[in-house]
Amino acid sequence: MAHTHWKLLPEANKPLDHKGLHALVAKLLYNRGITNPSDAEIFLKADKRLCIDPFSLPDMHQAVNRVYKALMSGEKIAIYGDFDADGITATALLVQGLTEMGGDVMPYIPHRQHEGYGLKIPALEKLRKQGVSLVITVDTGITAFAEIEKANKMGLDILVTDHHVPLPELPPAKIIVDPKRTDSQCPFIEFAGVGVAFKLLQAMLSGSNKDDLINSSLELVTLGTIADMSPLLSENRHWVKSGLHLLNKTKRVGLVELMNIAGIERGKLTAETVSYQIGPRLNSAGRLDDAGTSYQLLVTQDKVEANMLAMELEEKNKERQRMVIETYEKVRAQILQDGTDRPLLMACDADYPAGVIGLVAGRLADEFYRPVIIVKIGADTCRGSARSIQEFDLMAALKTCHHLLTKYGGHARAAGFNVPTHDLPQLQKNLRLLATEQLTGLDLRPHINIDAEVSLSIFSRGVFDEIRHLEPYGMGNPAPIFLSRKVEVVEQKLVGGQNDHIKLKLKQDGIVWDTIGFRLGSYIGELARHIDIVYSVEVDNFNGKGQLRLNLLDFARSY
């Protein structure tokens, strides 16, 4: 029996008729909603035709006017960002962009441990005392009602740029640029926070000839968009495809040093490299300490400083990995003790480190395929981080419990909240009741969408190279997944530090394929001589091989 639901996507009612396009590539495009040749060409080229008018975002005209007023009158501007990679890149983008335009601009990124997420009144008071009159938020602010009201009384203008889902009412800021506003006319709403910040910069530069500034900013947009797992569709796709090309020859000395220390070969950087290697290192500073380290790495022009910052991030990333493993083991033990048959899994403890509980929740949600909420208990206030599955909308659930929460925000699959400690038991009860109502009776196993059932012999190097025109892969545009039946297992062994991966040689139509099955080691006893396999195809660059191999996602005995 397979360990996941296999969902073979339906055949096209009318196959995409595109001359020179392999039938398998046409099927992959159809599966991604592309049904006519002109859309196929735009998707594959991912050029500027995917760009969206920045003035289609709500309040953008007012935002441009207010920022230009600040630039012309010499006002001091603060860019107030979040402490994750999205917020850090967005902060760097606007500080550098507006400074280049002659602005007096400073960054402000709160300390996760000492200040917490989002706008904070003490921070706004400090900025006001430093002479700041305009605060532009990036990747935050859309739910900061009390803080913006206080800022208004201080005479501090707040210009919100954010990408999180607004609450039914908007905060009392005069200008709010968020594509997810209900009155938004923007045809694409899934920008990362750095994407919204970039749309503001685009609008500011409309009609000007600032290609160098745009290209430099695209590197930051690419990092933040991938790290925040925004869907690589529409303009995001154009940005990331262009930005990866720029990142592979970046002149940002901090990124060059970071890549050198991390062992990333310049020229071969991909979206996956950003997702699994660069993004976690940029995030590590804000998770454990002060995100200013990552911010400074992105903006420094001093090679010695860049090297020191990159080494510091490398050490913080190792510490973050250690903390994730320790916390994962503690939370997992608590969840197992409570029972994993519940529709929603929740663990609460005063000792859980706030900086990594979101990562741990994500890992456990993948493992048990349940919504997972981890709460760090405080004397007066508890901080929770949640990750979910496709069948359970976290933001909708939190909205129904808003009367218990002092703050919450996020997305359907990832969210955070603050709750008074005395209200935590009631919140736990309400959320579990909601999950029970919505998830009871469903077969809660992860599902895999399969693009096509094929024979392994279809993957010549030419066909594979044609498939790669669908890159960059990521959220919204996953790497194509295939199903092949009755594949012969020629060789099998466990690999990895904990023997948690399977390495196989698989044979079909006289061709032997190297195959790796990450985190499938516990299933090795279920292998038979012939198996049906679900997999993606990738290039194995280990030791410079450059050969095609299969990345095994699941398997079942052939019948």
Protein backbone atom coordinates (compact mmCIF):
# COMPACT_ATOMS: atom_id res chain seq x y z
CA MET A 1 0.00 0.00 0.00
CA ALA A 2 1.23 3.49 -0.82
CA HIS A 3 2.04 5.77 2.09
CA THR A 4 0.29 8.75 0.51
CA HIS A 5 -2.75 9.42 -1.66
CA TRP A 6 -1.74 9.26 -5.32
CA LYS A 7 -3.84 11.65 -7.37
CA LEU A 8 -3.19 11.26 -11.09
CA LEU A 9 -4.20 14.55 -12.69
CA PRO A 10 -6.76 14.17 -15.49
CA GLU A 11 -5.88 14.20 -19.15
CA ALA A 12 -6.50 17.41 -21.07
CA ASN A 13 -9.91 17.67 -22.71
CA LYS A 14 -8.17 19.42 -25.57
CA PRO A 15 -4.39 18.90 -25.68
CA LEU A 16 -2.30 22.06 -25.93
CA ASP A 17 -1.49 22.50 -29.61
CA HIS A 18 1.95 24.07 -29.66
CA LYS A 19 4.30 23.29 -32.51
CA GLY A 20 7.67 22.03 -31.42
CA LEU A 21 6.51 21.33 -27.85
CA HIS A 22 6.89 17.76 -26.59
CA ALA A 23 3.55 16.17 -25.67
CA LEU A 24 4.72 15.58 -22.08
CA VAL A 25 5.65 19.25 -21.66
CA ALA A 26 2.25 20.24 -23.06
CA LYS A 27 0.62 17.99 -20.44
CA LEU A 28 2.68 19.59 -17.67
CA LEU A 29 1.60 23.05 -18.82
CA TYR A 30 -2.05 21.94 -18.92
CA ASN A 31 -1.75 20.69 -15.36
CA ARG A 32 -0.62 24.19 -14.39
CA GLY A 33 -3.68 25.80 -15.96
CA ILE A 34 -2.04 26.78 -19.24
CA THR A 35 -4.36 25.81 -22.08
CA ASN A 36 -3.38 27.96 -25.07
CA PRO A 37 -0.12 28.44 -26.99
CA SER A 38 0.26 32.17 -26.27
CA ASP A 39 0.02 31.62 -22.50
CA ALA A 40 2.45 28.71 -22.82
CA GLU A 41 5.02 30.89 -24.54
CA ILE A 42 4.72 33.62 -21.89
CA PHE A 43 4.97 31.10 -19.06
CA LEU A 44 8.03 29.38 -20.50
CA LYS A 45 9.86 32.63 -21.28
CA ALA A 46 8.77 34.27 -18.00
CA ASP A 47 9.62 37.70 -19.40
CA LYS A 48 8.32 41.21 -18.64
CA ARG A 49 4.93 40.37 -20.11
CA LEU A 50 4.14 38.87 -16.68
CA CYS A 51 4.66 42.26 -15.01
CA ILE A 52 1.68 43.93 -13.34
CA ASP A 53 0.99 47.66 -13.13
CA PRO A 54 2.10 48.63 -9.60
CA PHE A 55 -0.70 51.20 -9.47
CA SER A 56 -3.25 48.35 -9.52
CA LEU A 57 -2.39 47.79 -5.84
CA PRO A 58 -4.65 49.67 -3.42
CA ASP A 59 -3.48 53.11 -2.21
CA MET A 60 -0.40 53.04 -4.43
CA HIS A 61 -0.93 56.54 -5.84
CA GLN A 62 -1.23 57.92 -2.30
CA ALA A 63 1.84 55.93 -1.22
CA VAL A 64 3.98 57.36 -4.04
CA ASN A 65 2.80 60.91 -3.31
CA ARG A 66 3.54 60.57 0.42
CA VAL A 67 7.01 59.11 -0.11
CA TYR A 68 7.92 61.74 -2.71
CA LYS A 69 6.76 64.43 -0.30
CA ALA A 70 9.11 62.97 2.33
CA LEU A 71 11.99 62.81 -0.15
CA MET A 72 11.47 66.37 -1.37
CA SER A 73 11.21 67.88 2.12
CA GLY A 74 14.09 65.88 3.63
CA GLU A 75 11.95 64.00 6.16
CA LYS A 76 13.56 61.17 8.08
CA ILE A 77 12.03 57.86 6.96
CA ALA A 78 12.16 54.53 8.82
CA ILE A 79 11.59 51.20 7.09
CA TYR A 80 10.08 48.91 9.72
CA GLY A 81 10.42 45.24 8.75
CA ASP A 82 9.90 41.76 10.07
CA PHE A 83 12.81 39.63 11.32
CA ASP A 84 12.47 36.82 8.76
CA ALA A 85 14.15 36.62 5.35
CA ASP A 86 11.15 38.20 3.65
CA GLY A 87 11.09 41.17 6.01
CA ILE A 88 14.88 41.55 6.01
CA THR A 89 15.14 41.61 2.21
CA ALA A 90 12.17 44.01 1.98
CA THR A 91 13.79 46.34 4.51
CA ALA A 92 17.11 46.30 2.65
CA LEU A 93 15.33 46.87 -0.67
CA LEU A 94 13.49 50.03 0.42
CA VAL A 95 16.36 51.45 2.48
CA GLN A 96 18.74 51.11 -0.45
CA GLY A 97 16.18 52.13 -3.06
CA LEU A 98 14.95 55.27 -1.30
CA THR A 99 18.48 56.23 -0.23
CA GLU A 100 19.52 55.99 -3.88
CA MET A 101 16.69 58.42 -4.62
CA GLY A 102 18.13 60.90 -2.13
CA GLY A 103 16.15 59.95 0.95
CA ASP A 104 17.20 60.08 4.61
CA VAL A 105 16.29 56.48 5.38
CA MET A 106 17.01 54.13 8.28
CA PRO A 107 16.07 50.48 8.93
CA TYR A 108 14.25 49.16 11.99
CA ILE A 109 13.88 45.42 12.52
CA PRO A 110 12.54 44.37 15.94
CA HIS A 111 14.30 41.81 18.10
CA ARG A 112 12.29 38.58 18.16
CA GLN A 113 13.06 37.72 21.78
CA HIS A 114 12.94 41.21 23.31
CA GLU A 115 10.22 42.87 21.23
CA GLY A 116 8.34 40.21 19.29
CA TYR A 117 6.64 40.35 15.91
CA GLY A 118 5.18 43.47 14.33
CA LEU A 119 4.89 47.15 15.11
CA LYS A 120 5.60 47.99 18.75
CA ILE A 121 4.70 51.24 20.49
CA PRO A 122 8.05 51.60 22.34
CA ALA A 123 9.87 51.21 19.01
CA LEU A 124 7.65 53.82 17.36
CA GLU A 125 8.25 56.21 20.28
CA LYS A 126 11.99 55.71 19.90
CA LEU A 127 11.83 56.39 16.17
CA ARG A 128 9.81 59.56 16.78
CA LYS A 129 12.43 60.81 19.23
CA GLN A 130 15.09 60.17 16.58
CA GLY A 131 13.28 62.57 14.27
CA VAL A 132 11.43 60.05 12.09
CA SER A 133 8.17 61.41 10.68
CA LEU A 134 7.29 58.63 8.20
CA VAL A 135 7.39 54.90 8.96
CA ILE A 136 6.98 52.52 6.03
CA THR A 137 6.20 48.99 7.17
CA VAL A 138 7.28 45.99 5.10
CA ASP A 139 5.93 42.46 5.61
CA THR A 140 4.01 43.66 8.67
CA GLY A 141 1.44 46.17 9.92
CA ILE A 142 -1.86 44.99 8.49
CA THR A 143 -3.24 44.01 11.93
CA ALA A 144 -1.47 46.69 14.05
CA PHE A 145 -4.58 48.61 15.15
CA ALA A 146 -3.49 49.92 18.57
CA GLU A 147 0.05 50.67 17.45
CA ILE A 148 -1.01 52.71 14.42
CA GLU A 149 -3.61 54.57 16.46
CA LYS A 150 -0.89 55.51 18.96
CA ALA A 151 1.44 56.53 16.12
CA ASN A 152 -1.24 58.85 14.74
CA LYS A 153 -1.46 60.58 18.11
CA MET A 154 2.33 60.97 18.13
CA GLY A 155 2.20 62.73 14.76
CA LEU A 156 3.95 59.80 13.11
CA ASP A 157 2.67 58.82 9.67
CA ILE A 158 2.47 55.08 9.03
CA LEU A 159 2.49 53.79 5.45
CA VAL A 160 1.67 50.07 5.59
CA THR A 161 2.99 47.71 2.93
CA ASP A 162 2.12 44.11 3.74
CA HIS A 163 1.02 40.88 2.10
CA HIS A 164 -0.73 39.15 4.98
CA VAL A 165 -4.49 38.65 5.03
CA PRO A 166 -6.25 41.72 6.50
CA LEU A 167 -8.88 41.40 9.19
CA PRO A 168 -12.47 42.47 8.34
CA GLU A 169 -11.53 46.05 9.28
CA LEU A 170 -8.33 47.81 8.30
CA PRO A 171 -6.08 49.55 10.84
CA PRO A 172 -6.29 53.38 11.04
CA ALA A 173 -3.33 54.09 8.73
CA LYS A 174 -3.92 56.67 6.01
CA ILE A 175 -2.18 54.52 3.40
CA ILE A 176 -2.32 50.71 3.26
CA VAL A 177 -0.76 48.89 0.30
CA ASP A 178 -1.78 45.24 0.55
CA PRO A 179 -2.86 43.21 -2.51
CA LYS A 180 -5.08 41.05 -0.30
CA ARG A 181 -7.37 43.96 0.64
CA THR A 182 -10.96 43.15 -0.34
CA ASP A 183 -11.06 46.26 -2.54
CA SER A 184 -7.80 45.41 -4.34
CA GLN A 185 -7.85 45.62 -8.13
CA CYS A 186 -4.50 43.84 -8.46
CA PRO A 187 -4.85 40.78 -10.75
CA PHE A 188 -2.31 38.81 -8.68
CA ILE A 189 -2.33 38.92 -4.89
CA GLU A 190 0.27 36.34 -3.84
CA PHE A 191 3.30 38.58 -3.55
CA ALA A 192 5.70 38.13 -0.64
CA GLY A 193 6.26 41.14 1.60
CA VAL A 194 9.38 41.98 -0.38
CA GLY A 195 7.29 41.81 -3.56
CA VAL A 196 4.87 44.44 -2.26
CA ALA A 197 7.82 46.62 -1.22
CA PHE A 198 9.25 46.20 -4.73
CA LYS A 199 5.93 47.23 -6.30
CA LEU A 200 6.19 50.46 -4.28
CA LEU A 201 9.73 51.02 -5.57
CA GLN A 202 8.56 50.23 -9.13
CA ALA A 203 5.81 52.81 -8.78
CA MET A 204 8.29 55.35 -7.40
CA LEU A 205 10.62 54.76 -10.37
CA SER A 206 7.85 54.70 -12.98
CA GLY A 207 9.11 56.41 -16.13
CA SER A 208 12.68 56.72 -14.87
CA ASN A 209 15.75 54.94 -16.21
CA LYS A 210 17.06 53.14 -13.11
CA ASP A 211 17.88 49.68 -14.46
CA ASP A 212 20.82 49.18 -12.07
CA LEU A 213 18.63 49.86 -9.03
CA ILE A 214 15.88 47.58 -10.35
CA ASN A 215 18.33 44.75 -11.05
CA SER A 216 19.98 45.08 -7.64
CA SER A 217 16.53 45.02 -6.04
CA LEU A 218 15.52 41.92 -8.03
CA GLU A 219 18.19 39.91 -6.20
CA LEU A 220 16.51 40.78 -2.89
CA VAL A 221 13.02 40.13 -4.28
CA THR A 222 14.14 36.67 -5.39
CA LEU A 223 15.61 35.78 -1.99
CA GLY A 224 12.55 36.94 -0.04
CA THR A 225 9.95 35.51 -2.43
CA ILE A 226 11.49 32.03 -2.38
CA ALA A 227 12.30 32.05 1.35
CA ASP A 228 8.71 33.05 2.19
CA MET A 229 7.38 30.26 -0.06
CA SER A 230 5.27 32.58 -2.20
CA PRO A 231 3.89 30.92 -5.34
CA LEU A 232 6.20 31.22 -8.32
CA LEU A 233 3.46 32.35 -10.67
CA SER A 234 2.62 35.56 -12.51
CA GLU A 235 5.12 38.36 -11.78
CA ASN A 236 6.76 36.33 -9.00
CA ARG A 237 7.85 33.87 -11.71
CA HIS A 238 9.41 36.61 -13.81
CA TRP A 239 11.18 38.13 -10.80
CA VAL A 240 12.61 34.84 -9.59
CA LYS A 241 13.73 33.63 -13.00
CA SER A 242 15.46 36.96 -13.69
CA GLY A 243 16.71 37.28 -10.13
CA LEU A 244 18.34 33.85 -10.05
CA HIS A 245 20.34 34.83 -13.12
CA LEU A 246 21.47 38.00 -11.32
CA LEU A 247 22.23 36.18 -8.06
CA ASN A 248 24.52 33.77 -9.88
CA LYS A 249 26.78 36.72 -10.72
CA THR A 250 25.96 38.93 -7.72
CA LYS A 251 28.29 41.70 -6.65
CA ARG A 252 26.83 41.89 -3.14
CA VAL A 253 29.90 40.99 -1.13
CA GLY A 254 27.83 39.63 1.76
CA LEU A 255 26.06 37.12 -0.46
CA VAL A 256 29.33 36.17 -2.14
CA GLU A 257 30.90 35.43 1.26
CA LEU A 258 27.80 33.56 2.46
CA MET A 259 27.83 31.36 -0.64
CA ASN A 260 31.55 30.67 -0.26
CA ILE A 261 31.20 29.62 3.37
CA ALA A 262 28.10 27.52 2.65
CA GLY A 263 29.83 25.74 -0.25
CA ILE A 264 27.39 27.08 -2.86
CA GLU A 265 28.91 27.17 -6.32
CA ARG A 266 28.24 30.47 -8.04
CA GLY A 267 26.70 30.00 -11.44
CA LYS A 268 24.71 26.95 -10.30
CA LEU A 269 22.42 28.61 -7.78
CA THR A 270 18.76 27.56 -8.15
CA ALA A 271 15.48 28.26 -6.38
CA GLU A 272 16.14 25.12 -4.33
CA THR A 273 19.53 26.53 -3.27
CA VAL A 274 17.83 29.66 -1.96
CA SER A 275 15.08 27.66 -0.26
CA TYR A 276 17.30 25.15 1.55
CA GLN A 277 20.65 26.91 1.94
CA ILE A 278 20.55 30.70 1.70
CA GLY A 279 17.08 31.33 3.14
CA PRO A 280 17.65 29.35 6.37
CA ARG A 281 20.93 31.17 6.98
CA LEU A 282 19.29 34.58 6.53
CA ASN A 283 16.47 33.49 8.82
CA SER A 284 18.77 32.11 11.51
CA ALA A 285 19.78 35.51 12.93
CA GLY A 286 16.21 36.63 13.54
CA ARG A 287 15.20 33.27 14.96
CA LEU A 288 17.92 33.20 17.61
CA ASP A 289 19.03 36.76 18.17
CA ASP A 290 19.10 39.97 16.15
CA ALA A 291 18.08 39.96 12.47
CA GLY A 292 20.34 42.98 12.00
CA THR A 293 23.18 40.57 11.21
CA SER A 294 21.39 39.32 8.10
CA TYR A 295 20.32 42.83 7.12
CA GLN A 296 23.89 44.11 7.37
CA LEU A 297 25.16 41.14 5.35
CA LEU A 298 22.86 42.15 2.48
CA VAL A 299 23.87 45.82 2.45
CA THR A 300 27.55 45.86 3.43
CA GLN A 301 30.15 46.82 0.86
CA ASP A 302 33.10 45.83 3.05
CA LYS A 303 34.55 42.39 2.27
CA VAL A 304 36.09 41.90 5.74
CA GLU A 305 32.81 42.75 7.45
CA ALA A 306 30.96 40.54 4.97
CA ASN A 307 33.16 37.58 5.83
CA MET A 308 32.63 38.09 9.58
CA LEU A 309 28.86 38.38 9.14
CA ALA A 310 28.69 35.31 6.90
CA MET A 311 30.64 33.24 9.44
CA GLU A 312 28.35 34.49 12.21
CA LEU A 313 25.29 33.43 10.22
CA GLU A 314 26.85 30.04 9.55
CA GLU A 315 27.28 29.48 13.29
CA LYS A 316 23.78 30.74 14.05
CA ASN A 317 22.38 28.38 11.42
CA LYS A 318 24.13 25.42 13.03
CA GLU A 319 22.75 26.49 16.41
CA ARG A 320 19.29 26.84 14.86
CA GLN A 321 19.52 23.31 13.46
CA ARG A 322 20.50 21.96 16.88
CA MET A 323 17.62 23.79 18.57
CA VAL A 324 15.13 22.52 15.99
CA ILE A 325 16.18 18.91 16.59
CA GLU A 326 16.01 19.25 20.39
CA THR A 327 12.66 21.05 20.31
CA TYR A 328 11.26 18.64 17.72
CA GLU A 329 12.07 15.68 19.96
CA LYS A 330 10.46 17.33 23.02
CA VAL A 331 7.31 18.42 21.17
CA ARG A 332 6.98 15.10 19.38
CA ALA A 333 7.16 13.24 22.69
CA GLN A 334 4.40 15.44 24.11
CA ILE A 335 2.24 14.92 21.03
CA LEU A 336 2.73 11.14 21.11
CA GLN A 337 1.78 11.11 24.80
CA ASP A 338 -1.42 13.03 24.05
CA GLY A 339 -2.19 10.82 21.03
CA THR A 340 -1.78 11.51 17.32
CA ASP A 341 -5.28 10.39 16.37
CA ARG A 342 -6.67 13.85 17.16
CA PRO A 343 -7.60 16.04 14.17
CA LEU A 344 -5.43 18.86 15.54
CA LEU A 345 -2.16 18.41 17.45
CA MET A 346 -1.18 20.98 20.05
CA ALA A 347 1.78 21.17 22.43
CA CYS A 348 2.37 23.82 25.09
CA ASP A 349 5.39 24.44 27.32
CA ALA A 350 7.22 27.37 28.92
CA ASP A 351 10.61 26.13 27.69
CA TYR A 352 9.92 25.94 23.97
CA PRO A 353 12.16 28.49 22.15
CA ALA A 354 9.91 30.93 20.27
CA GLY A 355 12.36 31.31 17.40
CA VAL A 356 12.08 27.74 16.13
CA ILE A 357 8.60 26.54 17.10
CA GLY A 358 7.26 27.44 13.64
CA LEU A 359 9.89 25.25 11.97
CA VAL A 360 9.11 22.40 14.36
CA ALA A 361 5.37 22.77 13.78
CA GLY A 362 5.98 22.55 10.03
CA ARG A 363 8.04 19.39 10.37
CA LEU A 364 5.42 17.72 12.58
CA ALA A 365 2.54 18.79 10.33
CA ASP A 366 4.34 17.05 7.46
CA GLU A 367 5.06 13.96 9.56
CA PHE A 368 1.58 13.41 11.02
CA TYR A 369 -0.44 15.27 8.37
CA ARG A 370 -2.40 17.20 10.95
CA PRO A 371 -2.56 20.91 11.80
CA VAL A 372 0.08 21.47 14.49
CA ILE A 373 0.13 24.33 17.00
CA ILE A 374 3.05 24.87 19.35
CA VAL A 375 2.72 27.36 22.19
CA LYS A 376 5.41 28.93 24.33
CA ILE A 377 3.72 29.60 27.66
CA GLY A 378 4.51 32.87 29.41
CA ALA A 379 3.52 34.25 32.79
CA ASP A 380 0.92 36.59 31.28
CA THR A 381 1.00 35.96 27.53
CA CYS A 382 1.54 32.86 25.40
CA ARG A 383 3.00 32.96 21.90
CA GLY A 384 1.83 30.36 19.43
CA SER A 385 3.04 29.28 16.02
CA ALA A 386 0.97 27.03 13.77
CA ARG A 387 1.37 25.11 10.53
CA SER A 388 -1.48 23.38 8.76
CA ILE A 389 -2.55 21.04 6.00
CA GLN A 390 -4.55 21.77 2.88
CA GLU A 391 -7.83 20.75 4.49
CA PHE A 392 -7.68 23.21 7.43
CA ASP A 393 -7.47 27.02 7.09
CA LEU A 394 -5.56 28.40 10.07
CA MET A 395 -6.46 32.05 9.53
CA ALA A 396 -10.15 31.21 9.28
CA ALA A 397 -9.86 29.20 12.51
CA LEU A 398 -8.05 31.99 14.35
CA LYS A 399 -10.64 34.52 13.17
CA THR A 400 -13.37 32.53 14.92
CA CYS A 401 -11.29 32.75 18.12
CA HIS A 402 -10.31 36.42 17.76
CA HIS A 403 -12.06 37.37 21.02
CA LEU A 404 -9.50 35.25 22.90
CA LEU A 405 -6.43 36.61 21.08
CA THR A 406 -4.46 39.80 21.60
CA LYS A 407 -2.79 39.48 18.20
CA TYR A 408 -2.80 37.07 15.28
CA GLY A 409 -1.89 36.95 11.61
CA GLY A 410 -0.51 34.86 8.79
CA HIS A 411 -1.85 32.64 6.04
CA ALA A 412 -4.08 29.59 5.62
CA ARG A 413 -1.18 27.18 6.14
CA ALA A 414 1.08 29.19 8.50
CA ALA A 415 0.10 31.60 11.25
CA GLY A 416 1.06 32.98 14.63
CA PHE A 417 -0.80 34.46 17.57
CA ASN A 418 -0.58 35.85 21.11
CA VAL A 419 -3.10 34.76 23.74
CA PRO A 420 -3.42 35.68 27.44
CA THR A 421 -2.21 32.72 29.47
CA HIS A 422 -5.52 32.40 31.31
CA ASP A 423 -7.34 32.05 27.95
CA LEU A 424 -5.06 29.35 26.54
CA PRO A 425 -7.20 26.37 27.73
CA GLN A 426 -10.31 27.85 26.10
CA LEU A 427 -8.42 28.59 22.88
CA GLN A 428 -7.13 25.02 22.81
CA LYS A 429 -10.66 23.70 23.32
CA ASN A 430 -12.13 25.93 20.58
CA LEU A 431 -9.48 25.10 17.99
CA ARG A 432 -9.72 21.37 18.61
CA LEU A 433 -13.50 21.56 18.28
CA LEU A 434 -13.17 23.38 14.95
CA ALA A 435 -10.67 20.83 13.67
CA THR A 436 -12.90 17.97 14.77
CA GLU A 437 -15.86 19.46 12.89
CA GLN A 438 -13.86 20.04 9.70
CA LEU A 439 -11.55 17.01 9.58
CA THR A 440 -13.45 14.09 11.12
CA GLY A 441 -14.13 11.41 8.52
CA LEU A 442 -11.36 12.51 6.17
CA ASP A 443 -8.51 10.14 5.38
CA LEU A 444 -5.73 12.34 6.65
CA ARG A 445 -2.77 11.23 4.65
CA PRO A 446 -0.74 13.62 2.51
CA HIS A 447 -1.59 13.47 -1.16
CA ILE A 448 0.71 13.69 -4.14
CA ASN A 449 -0.50 15.23 -7.38
CA ILE A 450 0.96 13.17 -10.23
CA ASP A 451 1.41 14.94 -13.56
CA ALA A 452 1.56 11.87 -15.78
CA GLU A 453 1.95 8.09 -15.86
CA VAL A 454 4.93 7.29 -18.10
CA SER A 455 7.60 4.74 -18.84
CA LEU A 456 11.05 5.67 -17.58
CA SER A 457 12.38 5.42 -21.13
CA ILE A 458 10.65 8.70 -22.01
CA PHE A 459 13.29 10.68 -20.12
CA SER A 460 15.97 11.29 -22.67
CA ARG A 461 18.27 14.18 -21.89
CA GLY A 462 16.57 16.23 -24.57
CA VAL A 463 13.10 15.75 -23.09
CA PHE A 464 14.41 16.47 -19.60
CA ASP A 465 16.02 19.72 -20.79
CA GLU A 466 12.72 20.71 -22.41
CA ILE A 467 10.87 20.00 -19.15
CA ARG A 468 13.33 22.25 -17.30
CA HIS A 469 11.95 25.24 -19.19
CA LEU A 470 9.17 25.11 -16.58
CA GLU A 471 11.71 26.14 -13.93
CA PRO A 472 12.04 27.81 -11.49
CA TYR A 473 10.07 25.35 -9.39
CA GLY A 474 8.53 26.20 -6.07
CA MET A 475 5.17 26.94 -4.47
CA GLY A 476 2.47 27.12 -7.14
CA ASN A 477 4.77 25.57 -9.74
CA PRO A 478 6.11 22.35 -8.22
CA ALA A 479 8.68 20.14 -9.88
CA PRO A 480 6.79 17.72 -12.17
CA ILE A 481 5.92 14.38 -10.57
CA PHE A 482 5.52 11.14 -12.49
CA LEU A 483 4.24 7.61 -11.97
CA SER A 484 5.86 4.51 -13.48
CA ARG A 485 4.59 0.98 -12.89
CA LYS A 486 6.28 -2.42 -12.60
CA VAL A 487 9.78 -1.08 -12.15
CA GLU A 488 12.35 -3.70 -11.14
CA VAL A 489 14.39 -3.19 -7.96
CA VAL A 490 17.93 -4.21 -8.87
CA GLU A 491 19.74 -2.96 -5.78
CA GLN A 492 18.77 -1.42 -2.44
CA LYS A 493 20.54 -0.02 0.62
CA LEU A 494 20.09 2.45 3.45
CA VAL A 495 22.15 5.64 3.46
CA GLY A 496 22.40 8.80 5.55
CA GLY A 497 23.72 9.46 9.03
CA GLN A 498 20.71 7.75 10.60
CA ASN A 499 20.01 5.31 7.76
CA ASP A 500 16.87 7.30 7.04
CA HIS A 501 17.23 7.39 3.23
CA ILE A 502 16.91 4.63 0.62
CA LYS A 503 19.33 4.37 -2.28
CA LEU A 504 18.15 2.15 -5.12
CA LYS A 505 18.98 1.03 -8.61
CA LEU A 506 15.77 0.63 -10.60
CA LYS A 507 15.42 -0.96 -14.03
CA GLN A 508 12.84 -0.62 -16.76
CA ASP A 509 13.08 -1.21 -20.52
CA GLY A 510 16.68 -2.30 -20.09
CA ILE A 511 17.79 1.00 -18.53
CA VAL A 512 19.06 1.22 -14.94
CA TRP A 513 18.34 4.38 -12.96
CA ASP A 514 20.05 5.65 -9.81
CA THR A 515 17.34 6.53 -7.32
CA ILE A 516 17.27 8.25 -3.92
CA GLY A 517 14.34 8.16 -1.53
CA PHE A 518 14.82 10.79 1.16
CA ARG A 519 13.28 9.96 4.57
CA LEU A 520 11.90 6.65 3.21
CA GLY A 521 14.39 4.46 5.06
CA SER A 522 11.80 3.10 7.49
CA TYR A 523 9.88 1.59 4.54
CA ILE A 524 12.76 -0.44 3.09
CA GLY A 525 11.19 -3.68 4.34
CA GLU A 526 8.19 -3.05 2.09
CA LEU A 527 10.21 -3.16 -1.12
CA ALA A 528 9.36 -5.97 -3.54
CA ARG A 529 11.07 -7.07 -6.72
CA HIS A 530 8.68 -4.97 -8.79
CA ILE A 531 7.21 -1.72 -7.50
CA ASP A 532 5.13 1.20 -8.74
CA ILE A 533 6.98 4.45 -8.10
CA VAL A 534 6.07 8.13 -7.76
CA TYR A 535 9.05 10.40 -8.34
CA SER A 536 10.59 13.49 -9.85
CA VAL A 537 13.60 13.56 -12.18
CA GLU A 538 16.64 15.62 -11.30
CA VAL A 539 20.32 16.09 -12.10
CA ASP A 540 22.73 14.47 -9.64
CA ASN A 541 25.65 16.91 -9.42
CA PHE A 542 27.42 14.99 -6.65
CA ASN A 543 31.12 14.69 -7.51
CA GLY A 544 30.40 16.45 -10.79
CA LYS A 545 28.38 13.54 -12.22
CA GLY A 546 25.70 15.62 -13.90
CA GLN A 547 23.64 12.47 -14.53
CA LEU A 548 19.87 12.14 -14.36
CA ARG A 549 18.47 10.34 -11.34
CA LEU A 550 15.09 9.68 -9.79
CA ASN A 551 13.98 11.34 -6.58
CA LEU A 552 11.63 8.73 -5.11
CA LEU A 553 8.64 10.23 -3.29
CA ASP A 554 6.60 7.08 -2.62
CA PHE A 555 6.24 3.48 -3.80
CA ALA A 556 3.92 0.50 -3.59
CA ARG A 557 4.20 -3.18 -4.51
CA SER A 558 3.24 -3.86 -8.14
CA TYR A 559 0.31 -6.20 -8.78
